[in-house]
């Protein structure tokens, strides 16, 4: 059955178009995460910097640099940034600090604030804004923490899963987090309490590398070469010939993107039908983040110095042909 679907998927490429990036931005170091707010793109790297671009003009607006840290031999090295998020101009950064422990910084209004220091001996993987003045932290040990910016402290600390988390997505209102783990599970977390309120049927057989959730739609990609789509009560699977390291969703949940193959291709698809709209060619290294911007643009980053910008407006036209679902 999988062979039949693979043949159908190959045939369906005849009904899609090939897109190339409209722009390529480069930064010093290897890109580890990106964030968007309006027309502003924030690019974090392993060299301890966050570079800010204007997406409309593609101009460099500035660069935020973290202080150096010390490695095990006492040598000064750049802080590798693990995650970056932005809300109302404030930038939230997680980086590897002294002795490998994590440091979480908040930048905004000309001020710098340390939320988590290496002395706390925490292994934070992601820090994301959670709404109403709070931040949510997820550790490599699968613990979720809610930090109050007003009170300057942690409100709760709870275990999410018995497996190492693979990725986390926080909804636009900051009410829920969706945590995917190496056991193939997806957990829905109520961020007000930190409690698990659901186990979503991802049906992955192995580690989930990436998760995206928007508009009542969820997409996950994993080691088992599956892309699983939960579309408003329905579930279907798209097959890749390679582990799926990265997925993304438009804000309304109507369009999805996933990495496909060792040629670093991306596939843009309609989440309602599973139909492939376009194949995106241009990345040279493994894709690690996919974000939709306004005006029909897509922003993707790779494990290298590049961020690519794509115009995906043209793929919205109607196409004939069958869908690619299982």
Protein backbone atom coordinates (compact mmCIF):
# COMPACT_ATOMS: atom_id res chain seq x y z
CA UNK A 1 0.00 0.00 0.00
CA UNK A 2 2.82 2.41 0.82
CA UNK A 3 4.36 1.73 -2.62
CA UNK A 4 1.07 2.68 -4.28
CA UNK A 5 0.92 5.92 -2.33
CA UNK A 6 4.55 6.69 -3.17
CA UNK A 7 3.77 6.28 -6.87
CA UNK A 8 0.74 8.53 -6.51
CA UNK A 9 2.83 11.14 -4.72
CA UNK A 10 5.36 11.11 -7.57
CA UNK A 11 2.60 11.51 -10.13
CA UNK A 12 1.04 14.36 -8.18
CA UNK A 13 4.21 16.41 -8.55
CA UNK A 14 3.12 16.92 -12.16
CA UNK A 15 0.30 19.09 -10.81
CA UNK A 16 2.57 21.24 -8.66
CA UNK A 17 5.06 23.92 -9.57
CA UNK A 18 8.68 24.38 -8.57
CA UNK A 19 9.49 27.56 -6.67
CA UNK A 20 12.82 29.18 -6.00
CA UNK A 21 13.49 31.75 -3.26
CA UNK A 22 12.85 35.40 -4.03
CA UNK A 23 15.58 36.45 -1.60
CA UNK A 24 18.40 34.98 0.45
CA UNK A 25 19.62 36.60 3.68
CA UNK A 26 22.86 35.58 5.37
CA UNK A 27 24.08 36.10 8.92
CA UNK A 28 27.31 35.34 10.77
CA UNK A 29 27.24 31.82 12.21
CA UNK A 30 24.74 28.97 11.91
CA UNK A 31 21.05 29.82 12.21
CA UNK A 32 19.43 28.09 15.20
CA UNK A 33 15.99 29.75 15.28
CA UNK A 34 13.97 32.57 13.72
CA UNK A 35 10.99 34.65 14.83
CA UNK A 36 8.62 37.06 13.09
CA UNK A 37 6.60 40.04 14.22
CA UNK A 38 4.93 42.08 11.52
CA UNK A 39 7.52 42.83 8.85
CA UNK A 40 10.45 42.24 11.21
CA UNK A 41 12.51 39.07 11.08
CA UNK A 42 14.73 38.02 13.99
CA UNK A 43 17.49 35.50 13.18
CA UNK A 44 19.35 33.77 16.03
CA UNK A 45 22.67 31.95 15.59
CA UNK A 46 25.23 29.78 17.35
CA UNK A 47 27.55 32.81 17.41
CA UNK A 48 25.51 34.54 20.11
CA UNK A 49 23.72 37.09 17.94
CA UNK A 50 20.18 37.94 16.88
CA UNK A 51 20.05 39.83 13.58
CA UNK A 52 17.04 41.98 12.76
CA UNK A 53 15.84 42.45 9.16
CA UNK A 54 13.02 44.42 7.55
CA UNK A 55 11.16 41.85 5.43
CA UNK A 56 9.72 44.50 3.09
CA UNK A 57 13.05 46.08 2.18
CA UNK A 58 15.34 43.17 3.19
CA UNK A 59 17.53 45.72 4.93
CA UNK A 60 19.57 44.95 8.03
CA UNK A 61 18.10 46.91 10.94
CA UNK A 62 20.46 45.89 13.72
CA UNK A 63 22.09 43.10 15.60
CA UNK A 64 21.76 42.06 19.23
CA UNK A 65 24.85 40.38 20.69
CA UNK A 66 25.05 38.28 23.84
CA UNK A 67 28.14 38.42 26.06
CA UNK A 68 30.69 35.63 25.66
CA UNK A 69 30.74 32.71 28.06
CA UNK A 70 33.40 30.24 29.22
CA UNK A 71 33.84 26.69 28.00
CA UNK A 72 35.04 23.80 30.19
CA UNK A 73 38.67 24.88 29.75
CA UNK A 74 37.94 28.46 30.79
CA UNK A 75 38.21 29.81 27.24
CA UNK A 76 35.85 32.56 26.11
CA UNK A 77 33.38 31.43 23.45
CA UNK A 78 30.17 32.84 21.93
CA UNK A 79 26.89 31.84 23.54
CA UNK A 80 25.00 29.45 21.27
CA UNK A 81 21.39 30.61 21.09
CA UNK A 82 18.86 27.79 21.40
CA UNK A 83 15.63 29.71 20.80
CA UNK A 84 14.30 33.19 20.07
CA UNK A 85 10.78 34.63 20.36
CA UNK A 86 9.36 38.13 20.03
CA UNK A 87 6.23 39.92 21.21
CA UNK A 88 5.48 43.66 21.07
CA UNK A 89 9.11 44.39 20.28
CA UNK A 90 10.47 42.45 23.25
CA UNK A 91 12.92 39.68 22.40
CA UNK A 92 13.18 36.47 24.42
CA UNK A 93 16.41 34.51 24.01
CA UNK A 94 17.57 31.14 25.37
CA UNK A 95 21.32 30.49 25.17
CA UNK A 96 23.93 28.05 26.43
CA UNK A 97 25.80 29.71 29.27
CA UNK A 98 28.55 28.80 31.69
CA UNK A 99 29.19 25.06 32.17
CA UNK A 100 26.53 24.29 29.56
CA UNK A 101 23.61 25.48 31.70
CA UNK A 102 21.02 27.69 30.05
CA UNK A 103 20.49 31.38 30.34
CA UNK A 104 17.24 33.11 29.36
CA UNK A 105 17.32 36.82 28.52
CA UNK A 106 14.59 39.38 27.89
CA UNK A 107 15.46 42.42 25.76
CA UNK A 108 13.13 45.37 25.34
CA UNK A 109 12.71 49.11 25.71
CA UNK A 110 16.45 49.57 25.97
CA UNK A 111 16.74 47.19 28.92
CA UNK A 112 18.21 43.71 29.37
CA UNK A 113 16.81 41.35 31.96
CA UNK A 114 18.08 37.90 32.96
CA UNK A 115 15.18 35.53 33.67
CA UNK A 116 17.24 32.36 34.15
CA UNK A 117 20.95 32.36 34.97
CA UNK A 118 23.46 29.47 34.69
CA UNK A 119 23.54 29.35 38.49
CA UNK A 120 20.00 27.94 38.38
CA UNK A 121 21.52 24.89 36.65
CA UNK A 122 18.55 24.58 34.30
CA UNK A 123 18.54 22.95 30.86
CA UNK A 124 15.92 25.08 29.11
CA UNK A 125 15.36 24.15 25.46
CA UNK A 126 12.69 26.66 24.46
CA UNK A 127 11.39 29.90 25.94
CA UNK A 128 8.20 31.33 24.43
CA UNK A 129 5.87 34.20 25.28
CA UNK A 130 2.61 32.89 26.73
CA UNK A 131 0.42 35.97 26.94
CA UNK A 132 -0.63 38.19 29.88
CA UNK A 133 2.95 39.00 30.85
CA UNK A 134 4.12 35.43 31.21
CA UNK A 135 6.76 33.23 29.59
CA UNK A 136 6.66 29.45 29.20
CA UNK A 137 9.87 27.42 29.44
CA UNK A 138 10.36 23.82 28.35
CA UNK A 139 13.40 21.83 29.48
CA UNK A 140 15.26 18.91 27.96
CA UNK A 141 13.95 16.94 30.93
CA UNK A 142 10.37 17.48 29.64
CA UNK A 143 9.40 19.90 32.41
CA UNK A 144 7.24 22.90 31.62
CA UNK A 145 7.54 26.10 33.67
CA UNK A 146 5.53 29.31 33.69
CA UNK A 147 7.47 32.45 34.53
CA UNK A 148 5.75 35.68 35.56
CA UNK A 149 7.52 38.74 34.20
CA UNK A 150 5.67 40.96 36.67
CA UNK A 151 6.46 38.88 39.76
CA UNK A 152 9.91 37.89 38.51
CA UNK A 153 9.59 34.22 39.40
CA UNK A 154 8.40 30.76 38.43
CA UNK A 155 4.68 30.10 39.07
CA UNK A 156 4.77 26.34 38.50
CA UNK A 157 7.06 23.57 37.32
CA UNK A 158 5.44 20.37 36.04
CA UNK A 159 6.41 17.26 34.11
CA UNK A 160 4.97 16.97 30.62
CA UNK A 161 6.24 13.60 29.47
CA UNK A 162 8.58 10.76 30.30
CA UNK A 163 10.39 11.32 26.98
CA UNK A 164 12.69 14.07 25.76
CA UNK A 165 10.69 16.77 23.93
CA UNK A 166 11.25 17.14 20.22
CA UNK A 167 9.47 20.45 19.66
CA UNK A 168 6.90 22.83 21.16
CA UNK A 169 4.24 25.07 19.64
CA UNK A 170 2.36 27.74 21.63
CA UNK A 171 -0.97 28.97 20.25
CA UNK A 172 -1.41 32.60 19.28
CA UNK A 173 -3.31 33.51 22.45
CA UNK A 174 -0.80 31.81 24.74
CA UNK A 175 -3.46 29.54 26.27
CA UNK A 176 -2.10 26.16 25.23
CA UNK A 177 1.22 24.56 24.37
CA UNK A 178 1.57 21.50 22.17
CA UNK A 179 4.62 19.41 23.06
CA UNK A 180 5.88 16.60 20.81
CA UNK A 181 8.34 14.05 22.22
CA UNK A 182 10.79 11.38 21.11
CA UNK A 183 8.25 8.67 21.88
CA UNK A 184 5.93 9.91 19.12
CA UNK A 185 3.41 11.52 21.49
CA UNK A 186 1.84 14.98 21.32
CA UNK A 187 0.61 16.53 24.56
CA UNK A 188 -1.74 19.51 24.88
CA UNK A 189 -0.87 21.61 27.94
CA UNK A 190 -3.12 24.18 29.62
CA UNK A 191 -0.63 26.96 30.28
CA UNK A 192 -2.72 28.49 33.08
CA UNK A 193 -2.19 25.40 35.22
CA UNK A 194 0.58 23.45 33.50
CA UNK A 195 -1.65 20.38 33.40
CA UNK A 196 -1.95 18.00 30.48
CA UNK A 197 -5.44 18.28 29.00
CA UNK A 198 -5.04 16.05 25.99
CA UNK A 199 -2.96 13.47 24.15
CA UNK A 200 -3.36 14.10 20.45
CA UNK A 201 -3.39 11.12 18.05
CA UNK A 202 -0.27 11.82 16.03
CA UNK A 203 0.26 8.11 15.23
CA UNK A 204 4.02 8.52 14.82
CA UNK A 205 6.07 5.40 15.43
CA UNK A 206 9.20 7.22 16.54
CA UNK A 207 10.60 10.61 17.53
CA UNK A 208 8.72 13.72 16.43
CA UNK A 209 11.15 16.40 15.29
CA UNK A 210 8.79 19.27 14.54
CA UNK A 211 5.25 20.41 15.32
CA UNK A 212 3.10 23.31 14.10
CA UNK A 213 -0.38 24.25 15.31
CA UNK A 214 -2.65 27.01 13.98
CA UNK A 215 -6.29 27.57 13.10
CA UNK A 216 -7.42 24.29 14.64
CA UNK A 217 -4.94 22.34 12.49
CA UNK A 218 -1.82 20.46 13.62
CA UNK A 219 1.06 19.15 11.52
CA UNK A 220 3.91 16.98 12.82
CA UNK A 221 7.00 15.52 11.17
CA UNK A 222 9.16 12.72 12.49
CA UNK A 223 11.93 10.19 12.22
CA UNK A 224 9.48 7.63 10.80
CA UNK A 225 9.25 9.71 7.58
CA UNK A 226 5.66 10.65 8.26
CA UNK A 227 3.90 13.98 8.09
CA UNK A 228 0.73 13.63 10.17
CA UNK A 229 -2.01 16.21 9.66
CA UNK A 230 -4.88 16.72 12.11
CA UNK A 231 -7.34 18.82 10.16
CA UNK A 232 -10.30 19.90 12.29
CA UNK A 233 -11.23 16.46 13.53
CA UNK A 234 -9.79 14.45 10.63
CA UNK A 235 -6.36 12.83 10.47
CA UNK A 236 -4.29 11.82 7.46
CA UNK A 237 -0.68 11.04 6.65
CA UNK A 238 1.72 12.25 3.96
CA UNK A 239 4.79 10.10 3.35
CA UNK A 240 8.31 11.34 2.81
CA UNK A 241 11.29 9.27 1.74
CA UNK A 242 13.42 10.82 4.48
CA UNK A 243 13.02 11.81 8.15
CA UNK A 244 10.91 14.98 8.34
CA UNK A 245 12.94 17.49 10.32
CA UNK A 246 10.73 20.55 9.96
CA UNK A 247 7.09 21.51 9.37
CA UNK A 248 5.18 24.78 9.29
CA UNK A 249 1.61 26.12 9.10
CA UNK A 250 -0.01 29.32 7.88
CA UNK A 251 -1.76 31.34 10.63
CA UNK A 252 -5.20 30.16 9.48
CA UNK A 253 -4.06 26.53 9.26
CA UNK A 254 -4.98 26.34 5.57
CA UNK A 255 -1.50 25.67 4.18
CA UNK A 256 1.31 23.51 5.44
CA UNK A 257 4.97 22.99 4.54
CA UNK A 258 7.31 20.11 5.32
CA UNK A 259 10.91 19.19 4.56
CA UNK A 260 11.28 16.27 2.18
CA UNK A 261 14.43 14.35 1.26
CA UNK A 262 18.17 14.86 1.58
CA UNK A 263 18.14 17.42 -1.27
CA UNK A 264 16.62 19.87 1.28
CA UNK A 265 13.39 20.31 -0.67
CA UNK A 266 10.25 21.73 0.91
CA UNK A 267 6.70 20.83 -0.08
CA UNK A 268 3.84 23.30 0.24
CA UNK A 269 0.42 21.67 0.54
CA UNK A 270 -3.27 22.38 1.11
CA UNK A 271 -4.11 21.03 4.57
CA UNK A 272 -7.78 20.41 3.71
CA UNK A 273 -6.94 18.04 0.84
CA UNK A 274 -3.29 17.09 1.26
CA UNK A 275 -2.67 18.26 -2.32
CA UNK A 276 0.88 19.45 -3.05
CA UNK A 277 0.82 23.01 -4.38
CA UNK A 278 4.55 23.54 -4.91
CA UNK A 279 8.01 22.11 -4.40
CA UNK A 280 10.49 24.64 -3.01
CA UNK A 281 14.13 24.35 -4.09
CA UNK A 282 16.99 26.43 -2.74
CA UNK A 283 18.18 25.24 0.65
CA UNK A 284 21.71 23.85 0.98
CA UNK A 285 21.53 22.53 4.55
CA UNK A 286 18.89 20.88 6.76
CA UNK A 287 15.88 23.17 7.25
CA UNK A 288 15.24 23.97 10.92
CA UNK A 289 12.39 26.52 10.95
CA UNK A 290 9.44 27.36 8.68
CA UNK A 291 7.32 30.48 9.27
CA UNK A 292 4.59 32.18 7.24
CA UNK A 293 4.81 35.95 6.92
CA UNK A 294 2.30 38.41 5.51
CA UNK A 295 1.69 39.21 1.85
CA UNK A 296 2.00 35.60 0.69
CA UNK A 297 5.56 35.16 1.89
CA UNK A 298 7.22 32.18 3.50
CA UNK A 299 10.41 32.42 5.58
CA UNK A 300 12.61 29.36 6.13
CA UNK A 301 15.97 28.86 7.81
CA UNK A 302 18.63 26.17 7.64
CA UNK A 303 21.52 24.80 9.67
CA UNK A 304 23.85 27.22 7.93
CA UNK A 305 24.12 30.99 7.55
CA UNK A 306 21.03 31.42 5.35
CA UNK A 307 17.40 32.41 5.66
CA UNK A 308 15.33 32.14 2.47
CA UNK A 309 12.27 34.21 1.52
CA UNK A 310 9.64 32.73 -0.81
CA UNK A 311 6.65 34.19 -2.65
CA UNK A 312 3.94 31.52 -2.40
CA UNK A 313 1.00 33.61 -3.63
CA UNK A 314 1.02 32.04 -7.09
CA UNK A 315 0.29 28.55 -5.73
CA UNK A 316 -3.19 29.51 -4.51
CA UNK A 317 -4.80 28.98 -7.88
CA UNK A 318 -7.05 25.95 -8.30
CA UNK A 319 -5.49 22.71 -9.52
CA UNK A 320 -6.94 19.48 -10.78
CA UNK A 321 -5.77 16.09 -9.57
CA UNK A 322 -6.12 13.79 -6.62
CA UNK A 323 -4.86 14.49 -3.15
CA UNK A 324 -1.87 12.83 -1.50
CA UNK A 325 -3.45 11.65 1.71
CA UNK A 326 -3.45 8.24 3.31
